[in-house]
Amino acid sequence: MTRILLFTGKGGVGKTTVAAATALRAADAGLRTVVCSTDPAHSLADAYDVPLGDAVAPIAAGLHGIQLDARVRLESAWDAVREYLVALFDWAGAEPVEAEELAVIPGLDEVFALADIKAFAAGGDYDVIVVDCAPTAETLRLLSLPDVIGWYMDRVFPAQRGITRAMRPFLTRMMSVPIASDKVFDAVARFSTRLDGVRELLIDPQITSARMVVNAERLVVAEARRTFTYLSLFGYHVDAVIVNRLLPSAVSDPWFTEWRAAEAQHLIEIGDAFAPAPILTAELAPAELVGVDRLRRFGTTLYAERDPVARLATVDPMRVEVLGDTLVLSLPLPGVERREIQLGRRNDELLVAVGAYRRAVVLPDSLQRRDVGAAHLVGQRLKVEFPPRRARDGAPVEV
């Protein structure tokens, strides 16, 4: 079974270094490993000090790397849609250059990185896939896209295509506005097909683990806690937190006393916030961690006796619990307060919003014919009650 490790963190915390060292350690253990970057500002090649591009290339024994040029994939797979959008914006009065730019939806090119991860997992050429993700905001957007696109393709896309097909002859005669052809809808369908199964792959805890890289600094830790919450909201499993660039124990200058005390306090907060995920630590290196040899030494120190590919922690996923005649949907939502959560219900979905992120959770069959009752935040889990429906005489209705 292929293992997928996703590394994310705020820009500048050393995420690429940790991902590169992990991949190297996996390869040294005899596992066929590929490391890929989904960050538009690629730095994997700089970390290894080897040339890397948009094709898989060898880095060391058993280790290959790639810096995904997702825009190239977008242009080839999205060409029909792009042509339609260019015509539409041109009709609306946009300048040719503006129309070309507007036809490329911001962030959409990153989705194709997910298709490559899926292809690597399905190809059977690698035992381990290490992903150096973009900084946290871009990563959250990237990892939520399979959920969003799947919802759109299941519910909105078929209706839009049917309406357009029925109205196209009438609209073509009556209006000059460009109308989307079947070729455009086919391109969107192919695009969706490339992502089929990606979400299931990435939320399977036996296959995929997310690992967060942080520094022991207040702002970094605060962002990491929010990221932990949002990853849990979308069903991703965080199995470790790496606290990077701690002050070396050999530094004894009293000038650093206050800084060291702050780090110690942040380490306590990190341990509490991310439990039960283990906290791995790495001290600030005396020199830049560039090149295979230095990265290998860093990986050995970071993981020590741990298997870098193993599942380092187990967090329960969404589950249904029984409380008398009430069923309770339990979701992991670490690091969040009750006032930050908004809930809604639409048909067979429970809508959960935390801050700027929202997820439509498809309810299990056992809950779809029940009404939503009370909701509670118990520890790090959101528990939503689904009591049995009652007849007018108060008796439970069989569901």
Protein backbone atom coordinates (compact mmCIF):
# COMPACT_ATOMS: atom_id res chain seq x y z
CA MET A 1 0.00 0.00 0.00
CA THR A 2 1.32 3.43 -0.95
CA ARG A 3 1.82 5.95 1.88
CA ILE A 4 1.17 9.66 1.26
CA LEU A 5 2.63 12.31 3.57
CA LEU A 6 1.45 15.91 3.24
CA PHE A 7 3.63 18.61 4.80
CA THR A 8 2.12 22.01 5.42
CA GLY A 9 2.89 25.08 7.48
CA LYS A 10 3.17 28.84 7.45
CA GLY A 11 5.64 30.21 4.92
CA GLY A 12 9.19 30.33 6.24
CA VAL A 13 8.94 27.69 8.99
CA GLY A 14 11.14 25.16 7.16
CA LYS A 15 8.37 23.02 5.67
CA THR A 16 10.30 22.19 2.50
CA THR A 17 13.37 21.20 4.51
CA VAL A 18 11.35 18.81 6.67
CA ALA A 19 9.55 17.30 3.65
CA ALA A 20 12.82 16.85 1.75
CA ALA A 21 14.54 15.23 4.73
CA THR A 22 11.59 12.89 5.35
CA ALA A 23 11.58 11.74 1.73
CA LEU A 24 15.31 11.10 1.85
CA ARG A 25 15.02 9.09 5.07
CA ALA A 26 12.22 6.98 3.55
CA ALA A 27 14.36 6.27 0.47
CA ASP A 28 17.35 5.37 2.67
CA ALA A 29 15.10 2.79 4.36
CA GLY A 30 14.70 1.05 0.99
CA LEU A 31 11.29 2.50 0.07
CA ARG A 32 10.69 3.73 -3.46
CA THR A 33 9.95 7.38 -2.82
CA VAL A 34 8.86 10.40 -4.83
CA VAL A 35 8.75 13.90 -3.39
CA CYS A 36 6.70 16.54 -5.17
CA SER A 37 6.04 20.22 -4.63
CA THR A 38 2.61 21.80 -5.08
CA ASP A 39 3.88 25.19 -3.95
CA PRO A 40 3.94 27.65 -6.89
CA ALA A 41 7.14 29.07 -5.35
CA HIS A 42 9.01 25.77 -5.67
CA SER A 43 12.11 25.30 -3.51
CA LEU A 44 12.63 21.54 -3.51
CA ALA A 45 15.40 21.82 -6.09
CA ASP A 46 17.11 24.42 -3.91
CA ALA A 47 16.84 22.20 -0.83
CA TYR A 48 18.42 19.19 -2.53
CA ASP A 49 20.74 21.36 -4.64
CA VAL A 50 19.77 19.40 -7.75
CA PRO A 51 17.86 20.49 -10.87
CA LEU A 52 14.16 19.58 -10.76
CA GLY A 53 11.36 20.43 -13.16
CA ASP A 54 7.95 19.27 -14.33
CA ALA A 55 9.11 15.70 -14.95
CA VAL A 56 10.17 13.10 -12.38
CA ALA A 57 13.94 13.15 -11.96
CA PRO A 58 16.36 11.16 -9.75
CA ILE A 59 17.71 12.83 -6.61
CA ALA A 60 19.38 9.97 -4.71
CA ALA A 61 19.20 6.18 -4.54
CA GLY A 62 15.51 5.26 -4.40
CA LEU A 63 14.39 8.89 -4.40
CA HIS A 64 12.84 10.90 -7.24
CA GLY A 65 11.44 14.41 -7.26
CA ILE A 66 9.20 16.70 -9.28
CA GLN A 67 8.17 20.34 -9.08
CA LEU A 68 4.69 20.22 -10.57
CA ASP A 69 3.96 22.87 -13.17
CA ALA A 70 0.21 22.71 -12.70
CA ARG A 71 -0.41 25.52 -15.18
CA VAL A 72 0.85 23.34 -18.05
CA ARG A 73 -1.67 20.67 -17.07
CA LEU A 74 -4.42 23.25 -16.74
CA GLU A 75 -3.84 24.65 -20.20
CA SER A 76 -4.02 21.24 -21.84
CA ALA A 77 -7.08 19.97 -19.95
CA TRP A 78 -8.98 23.25 -19.67
CA ASP A 79 -8.45 24.51 -23.23
CA ALA A 80 -12.09 24.20 -24.39
CA VAL A 81 -13.35 26.00 -21.31
CA ARG A 82 -10.69 28.67 -21.67
CA GLU A 83 -11.68 29.32 -25.29
CA TYR A 84 -15.32 29.72 -24.29
CA LEU A 85 -14.50 32.06 -21.41
CA VAL A 86 -12.22 34.17 -23.64
CA ALA A 87 -15.08 34.53 -26.14
CA LEU A 88 -17.49 35.40 -23.34
CA PHE A 89 -15.22 38.07 -21.83
CA ASP A 90 -14.44 39.41 -25.29
CA TRP A 91 -18.20 39.75 -25.94
CA ALA A 92 -18.48 41.61 -22.62
CA GLY A 93 -15.93 44.18 -23.82
CA ALA A 94 -12.72 43.01 -22.15
CA GLU A 95 -9.43 43.65 -23.91
CA PRO A 96 -7.86 40.53 -25.50
CA VAL A 97 -5.10 40.27 -22.87
CA GLU A 98 -7.60 40.83 -20.06
CA ALA A 99 -9.90 38.15 -21.50
CA GLU A 100 -7.03 35.63 -21.59
CA GLU A 101 -6.12 36.37 -17.97
CA LEU A 102 -9.72 36.23 -16.74
CA ALA A 103 -10.23 32.87 -18.45
CA VAL A 104 -7.78 31.21 -16.04
CA ILE A 105 -9.62 30.90 -12.72
CA PRO A 106 -7.23 31.73 -9.83
CA GLY A 107 -6.19 28.64 -7.90
CA LEU A 108 -7.72 26.18 -10.35
CA ASP A 109 -4.34 25.19 -11.75
CA GLU A 110 -3.34 23.86 -8.34
CA VAL A 111 -6.07 21.22 -8.52
CA PHE A 112 -4.10 19.33 -11.12
CA ALA A 113 -1.42 18.67 -8.53
CA LEU A 114 -3.99 16.47 -6.80
CA ALA A 115 -4.49 14.48 -10.01
CA ASP A 116 -0.74 13.81 -10.15
CA ILE A 117 -0.74 12.58 -6.56
CA LYS A 118 -3.57 10.21 -7.48
CA ALA A 119 -1.62 9.02 -10.55
CA PHE A 120 1.51 8.35 -8.49
CA ALA A 121 -0.53 6.34 -5.97
CA ALA A 122 -2.27 4.31 -8.68
CA GLY A 123 0.85 3.71 -10.79
CA GLY A 124 2.52 1.33 -8.35
CA ASP A 125 6.00 2.74 -8.97
CA TYR A 126 6.36 4.27 -5.51
CA ASP A 127 5.90 3.10 -1.93
CA VAL A 128 5.91 6.62 -0.49
CA ILE A 129 4.69 9.96 -1.87
CA VAL A 130 5.89 13.01 0.04
CA VAL A 131 4.11 16.27 -0.82
CA ASP A 132 5.66 19.64 -0.05
CA CYS A 133 2.46 21.68 0.06
CA ALA A 134 2.07 25.41 -0.40
CA PRO A 135 1.75 27.64 2.71
CA THR A 136 -1.28 26.91 4.84
CA ALA A 137 -3.93 29.14 3.23
CA GLU A 138 -3.23 27.76 -0.25
CA THR A 139 -3.03 24.21 1.11
CA LEU A 140 -6.43 24.49 2.78
CA ARG A 141 -7.94 25.78 -0.44
CA LEU A 142 -6.27 22.97 -2.39
CA LEU A 143 -7.40 20.19 -0.05
CA SER A 144 -10.99 21.48 0.17
CA LEU A 145 -11.39 21.58 -3.62
CA PRO A 146 -12.23 17.87 -4.17
CA ASP A 147 -15.09 18.31 -1.70
CA VAL A 148 -16.36 21.49 -3.37
CA ILE A 149 -15.95 20.26 -6.96
CA GLY A 150 -17.57 16.92 -6.13
CA TRP A 151 -20.58 18.74 -4.67
CA TYR A 152 -20.85 20.95 -7.76
CA MET A 153 -20.55 18.05 -10.21
CA ASP A 154 -23.15 15.95 -8.37
CA ARG A 155 -25.77 18.65 -7.86
CA VAL A 156 -25.29 21.72 -10.06
CA PHE A 157 -23.44 20.60 -13.20
CA PRO A 158 -26.09 18.18 -14.58
CA ALA A 159 -28.84 20.79 -14.24
CA GLN A 160 -26.74 23.52 -15.87
CA ARG A 161 -25.84 21.27 -18.78
CA GLY A 162 -29.45 20.22 -19.33
CA ILE A 163 -30.76 23.78 -19.26
CA THR A 164 -28.04 25.02 -21.63
CA ARG A 165 -28.65 22.18 -24.09
CA ALA A 166 -32.41 22.85 -24.13
CA MET A 167 -32.11 26.62 -24.45
CA ARG A 168 -29.11 26.81 -26.81
CA PRO A 169 -31.09 26.96 -30.12
CA PHE A 170 -33.39 29.68 -28.77
CA LEU A 171 -30.59 31.73 -27.18
CA THR A 172 -28.39 31.46 -30.29
CA ARG A 173 -31.14 33.05 -32.42
CA MET A 174 -32.12 35.70 -29.90
CA MET A 175 -28.79 36.76 -28.40
CA SER A 176 -25.23 37.38 -29.49
CA VAL A 177 -23.70 36.20 -26.22
CA PRO A 178 -21.55 33.04 -26.65
CA ILE A 179 -23.32 29.91 -25.37
CA ALA A 180 -21.34 27.04 -23.87
CA SER A 181 -21.18 24.05 -26.21
CA ASP A 182 -21.18 20.37 -25.28
CA LYS A 183 -17.41 20.46 -25.84
CA VAL A 184 -17.12 22.90 -22.93
CA PHE A 185 -19.22 20.73 -20.64
CA ASP A 186 -17.27 17.64 -21.71
CA ALA A 187 -14.03 19.38 -20.72
CA VAL A 188 -15.46 20.20 -17.28
CA ALA A 189 -16.60 16.57 -16.90
CA ARG A 190 -13.12 15.26 -17.85
CA PHE A 191 -11.62 17.68 -15.36
CA SER A 192 -13.87 16.28 -12.63
CA THR A 193 -13.10 12.70 -13.63
CA ARG A 194 -9.38 13.33 -13.07
CA LEU A 195 -10.22 14.14 -9.47
CA ASP A 196 -12.49 11.15 -8.88
CA GLY A 197 -11.21 9.22 -5.91
CA VAL A 198 -8.70 11.89 -4.82
CA ARG A 199 -10.63 12.88 -1.72
CA GLU A 200 -11.13 9.24 -0.66
CA LEU A 201 -7.40 8.69 -1.11
CA LEU A 202 -6.37 11.72 0.94
CA ILE A 203 -8.75 11.21 3.88
CA ASP A 204 -7.93 7.50 4.30
CA PRO A 205 -5.78 7.49 7.48
CA GLN A 206 -4.13 4.22 6.49
CA ILE A 207 -2.81 5.89 3.33
CA THR A 208 -2.47 9.62 3.99
CA SER A 209 -1.20 11.64 6.93
CA ALA A 210 -0.82 15.40 7.15
CA ARG A 211 2.11 16.74 9.14
CA MET A 212 2.33 20.32 10.30
CA VAL A 213 5.60 22.22 10.56
CA VAL A 214 5.69 25.12 13.01
CA ASN A 215 8.11 27.37 14.82
CA ALA A 216 7.72 28.04 18.54
CA GLU A 217 6.34 31.53 17.92
CA ARG A 218 2.95 32.91 18.92
CA LEU A 219 1.72 33.90 15.44
CA VAL A 220 2.90 30.66 13.85
CA VAL A 221 1.29 28.50 16.53
CA ALA A 222 -1.99 30.45 16.29
CA GLU A 223 -2.17 29.87 12.52
CA ALA A 224 -1.24 26.20 12.94
CA ARG A 225 -4.09 25.69 15.41
CA ARG A 226 -6.57 27.13 12.92
CA THR A 227 -5.12 24.92 10.20
CA PHE A 228 -5.46 21.87 12.44
CA THR A 229 -9.14 22.69 12.94
CA TYR A 230 -9.83 23.18 9.23
CA LEU A 231 -7.98 20.01 8.21
CA SER A 232 -10.07 18.07 10.72
CA LEU A 233 -13.23 19.71 9.37
CA PHE A 234 -12.50 18.29 5.90
CA GLY A 235 -11.56 14.86 7.22
CA TYR A 236 -7.76 14.99 6.97
CA HIS A 237 -5.67 13.23 9.61
CA VAL A 238 -2.77 15.06 11.26
CA ASP A 239 -0.41 12.48 12.72
CA ALA A 240 2.51 14.68 13.82
CA VAL A 241 3.60 18.26 14.48
CA ILE A 242 7.22 19.22 13.85
CA VAL A 243 8.48 22.17 15.89
CA ASN A 244 11.41 23.42 13.86
CA ARG A 245 14.30 25.80 14.53
CA LEU A 246 14.30 25.73 18.32
CA LEU A 247 17.18 27.46 20.08
CA PRO A 248 20.05 24.94 20.36
CA SER A 249 20.61 23.57 23.85
CA ALA A 250 24.29 24.46 23.47
CA VAL A 251 23.43 28.17 23.40
CA SER A 252 23.79 29.41 26.98
CA ASP A 253 24.15 33.16 26.47
CA PRO A 254 21.84 34.95 28.96
CA TRP A 255 20.67 37.23 26.12
CA PHE A 256 18.46 34.31 24.98
CA THR A 257 16.93 33.62 28.42
CA GLU A 258 13.62 35.32 27.70
CA TRP A 259 13.43 33.78 24.22
CA ARG A 260 14.05 30.31 25.61
CA ALA A 261 11.33 30.77 28.25
CA ALA A 262 8.85 31.80 25.55
CA GLU A 263 9.76 28.74 23.48
CA ALA A 264 9.20 26.47 26.48
CA GLN A 265 5.73 27.98 27.02
CA HIS A 266 4.85 27.61 23.33
CA LEU A 267 5.93 23.95 23.42
CA ILE A 268 3.49 23.31 26.27
CA GLU A 269 0.70 25.02 24.31
CA ILE A 270 1.56 23.04 21.18
CA GLY A 271 1.44 19.77 23.10
CA ASP A 272 -1.99 20.63 24.50
CA ALA A 273 -3.43 21.97 21.21
CA PHE A 274 -2.41 19.11 18.95
CA ALA A 275 -2.84 16.08 21.20
CA PRO A 276 -2.75 13.15 20.56
CA ALA A 277 -0.37 13.92 17.67
CA PRO A 278 3.26 13.52 18.78
CA ILE A 279 5.47 16.61 18.85
CA LEU A 280 8.80 16.20 17.04
CA THR A 281 11.43 18.87 17.61
CA ALA A 282 14.44 20.10 15.68
CA GLU A 283 16.99 22.67 16.75
CA LEU A 284 18.18 25.54 14.62
CA ALA A 285 20.99 24.16 12.45
CA PRO A 286 24.43 25.81 12.53
CA ALA A 287 24.39 26.08 8.73
CA GLU A 288 21.87 26.10 5.89
CA LEU A 289 20.28 22.70 5.36
CA VAL A 290 21.04 22.45 1.66
CA GLY A 291 22.13 19.29 -0.13
CA VAL A 292 21.51 15.58 0.35
CA ASP A 293 24.13 15.04 3.05
CA ARG A 294 22.90 17.78 5.37
CA LEU A 295 19.26 16.84 4.84
CA ARG A 296 20.09 13.22 5.63
CA ARG A 297 21.69 14.22 8.95
CA PHE A 298 18.73 16.46 9.76
CA GLY A 299 16.23 13.66 9.06
CA THR A 300 18.16 11.23 11.27
CA THR A 301 18.10 13.71 14.16
CA LEU A 302 14.44 14.62 13.66
CA TYR A 303 12.99 11.12 13.56
CA ALA A 304 15.60 9.30 15.68
CA GLU A 305 14.19 5.78 16.15
CA ARG A 306 10.79 6.62 14.63
CA ASP A 307 9.76 5.21 11.27
CA PRO A 308 9.13 8.38 9.22
CA VAL A 309 6.53 6.64 7.08
CA ALA A 310 4.54 5.04 9.92
CA ARG A 311 1.22 6.43 11.08
CA LEU A 312 2.45 8.34 14.13
CA ALA A 313 -0.94 9.02 15.74
CA THR A 314 -4.53 7.86 15.45
CA VAL A 315 -7.39 10.36 15.56
CA ASP A 316 -10.93 9.01 15.36
CA PRO A 317 -12.71 10.13 12.19
CA MET A 318 -16.39 11.01 11.93
CA ARG A 319 -18.49 8.40 13.71
CA VAL A 320 -22.09 7.76 14.79
CA GLU A 321 -22.71 7.00 18.45
CA VAL A 322 -25.87 5.66 20.12
CA LEU A 323 -27.36 7.51 23.11
CA GLY A 324 -30.60 5.79 24.07
CA ASP A 325 -32.92 6.22 21.07
CA THR A 326 -30.88 9.20 19.84
CA LEU A 327 -28.07 8.90 17.31
CA VAL A 328 -25.13 11.27 17.72
CA LEU A 329 -22.86 12.36 14.87
CA SER A 330 -19.39 12.97 16.28
CA LEU A 331 -16.85 15.02 14.30
CA PRO A 332 -13.28 15.89 15.32
CA LEU A 333 -12.95 19.69 15.57
CA PRO A 334 -9.85 20.45 17.62
CA GLY A 335 -8.87 23.93 18.71
CA VAL A 336 -12.23 25.62 18.11
CA GLU A 337 -14.78 27.32 20.37
CA ARG A 338 -18.54 26.79 20.17
CA ARG A 339 -19.22 30.38 19.11
CA GLU A 340 -17.06 29.85 15.99
CA ILE A 341 -19.24 27.00 14.70
CA GLN A 342 -22.34 27.42 12.56
CA LEU A 343 -24.58 24.48 11.66
CA GLY A 344 -27.27 24.06 9.04
CA ARG A 345 -29.22 21.24 7.42
CA ARG A 346 -30.04 20.78 3.75
CA ASN A 347 -31.70 17.56 2.65
CA ASP A 348 -29.19 14.75 3.34
CA GLU A 349 -26.33 17.08 4.29
CA LEU A 350 -25.20 18.71 7.50
CA LEU A 351 -23.58 22.09 6.80
CA VAL A 352 -20.70 22.86 9.17
CA ALA A 353 -18.99 26.25 9.00
CA VAL A 354 -15.91 27.17 11.03
CA GLY A 355 -14.56 30.62 10.35
CA ALA A 356 -14.12 31.12 6.62
CA TYR A 357 -14.42 27.43 5.75
CA ARG A 358 -17.59 25.44 5.22
CA ARG A 359 -18.14 21.77 4.57
CA ALA A 360 -21.24 19.90 3.50
CA VAL A 361 -21.08 16.61 5.43
CA VAL A 362 -23.12 13.90 3.69
CA LEU A 363 -25.09 12.22 6.44
CA PRO A 364 -25.05 8.43 6.83
CA ASP A 365 -28.28 6.67 5.84
CA SER A 366 -29.16 6.16 9.50
CA LEU A 367 -29.34 9.95 10.02
CA GLN A 368 -30.85 11.21 6.80
CA ARG A 369 -34.46 10.64 7.89
CA ARG A 370 -33.96 12.17 11.32
CA ASP A 371 -34.11 15.82 12.33
CA VAL A 372 -31.15 17.67 13.81
CA GLY A 373 -31.40 18.13 17.56
CA ALA A 374 -28.97 19.73 19.98
CA ALA A 375 -25.27 20.21 19.26
CA HIS A 376 -22.47 20.22 21.80
CA LEU A 377 -18.72 20.73 21.72
CA VAL A 378 -17.28 18.01 23.96
CA GLY A 379 -13.53 18.26 24.31
CA GLN A 380 -12.22 18.36 20.75
CA ARG A 381 -15.28 16.83 19.11
CA LEU A 382 -18.50 18.35 17.82
CA LYS A 383 -21.46 16.14 18.72
CA VAL A 384 -24.74 16.67 16.88
CA GLU A 385 -27.80 14.83 18.13
CA PHE A 386 -30.37 13.25 15.81
CA PRO A 387 -33.38 12.21 17.93
CA PRO A 388 -36.05 9.91 16.47
CA ARG A 389 -38.98 11.61 14.82
CA ARG A 390 -42.14 11.61 16.92
CA ALA A 391 -45.76 11.11 15.93
CA ARG A 392 -48.44 13.43 17.31
CA ASP A 393 -49.02 11.12 20.27
CA GLY A 394 -45.32 11.37 21.12
CA ALA A 395 -44.41 7.87 20.04
CA PRO A 396 -41.20 7.43 18.04
CA VAL A 397 -41.59 7.14 14.27
CA GLU A 398 -39.76 4.18 12.78
CA VAL A 399 -36.95 5.25 10.44
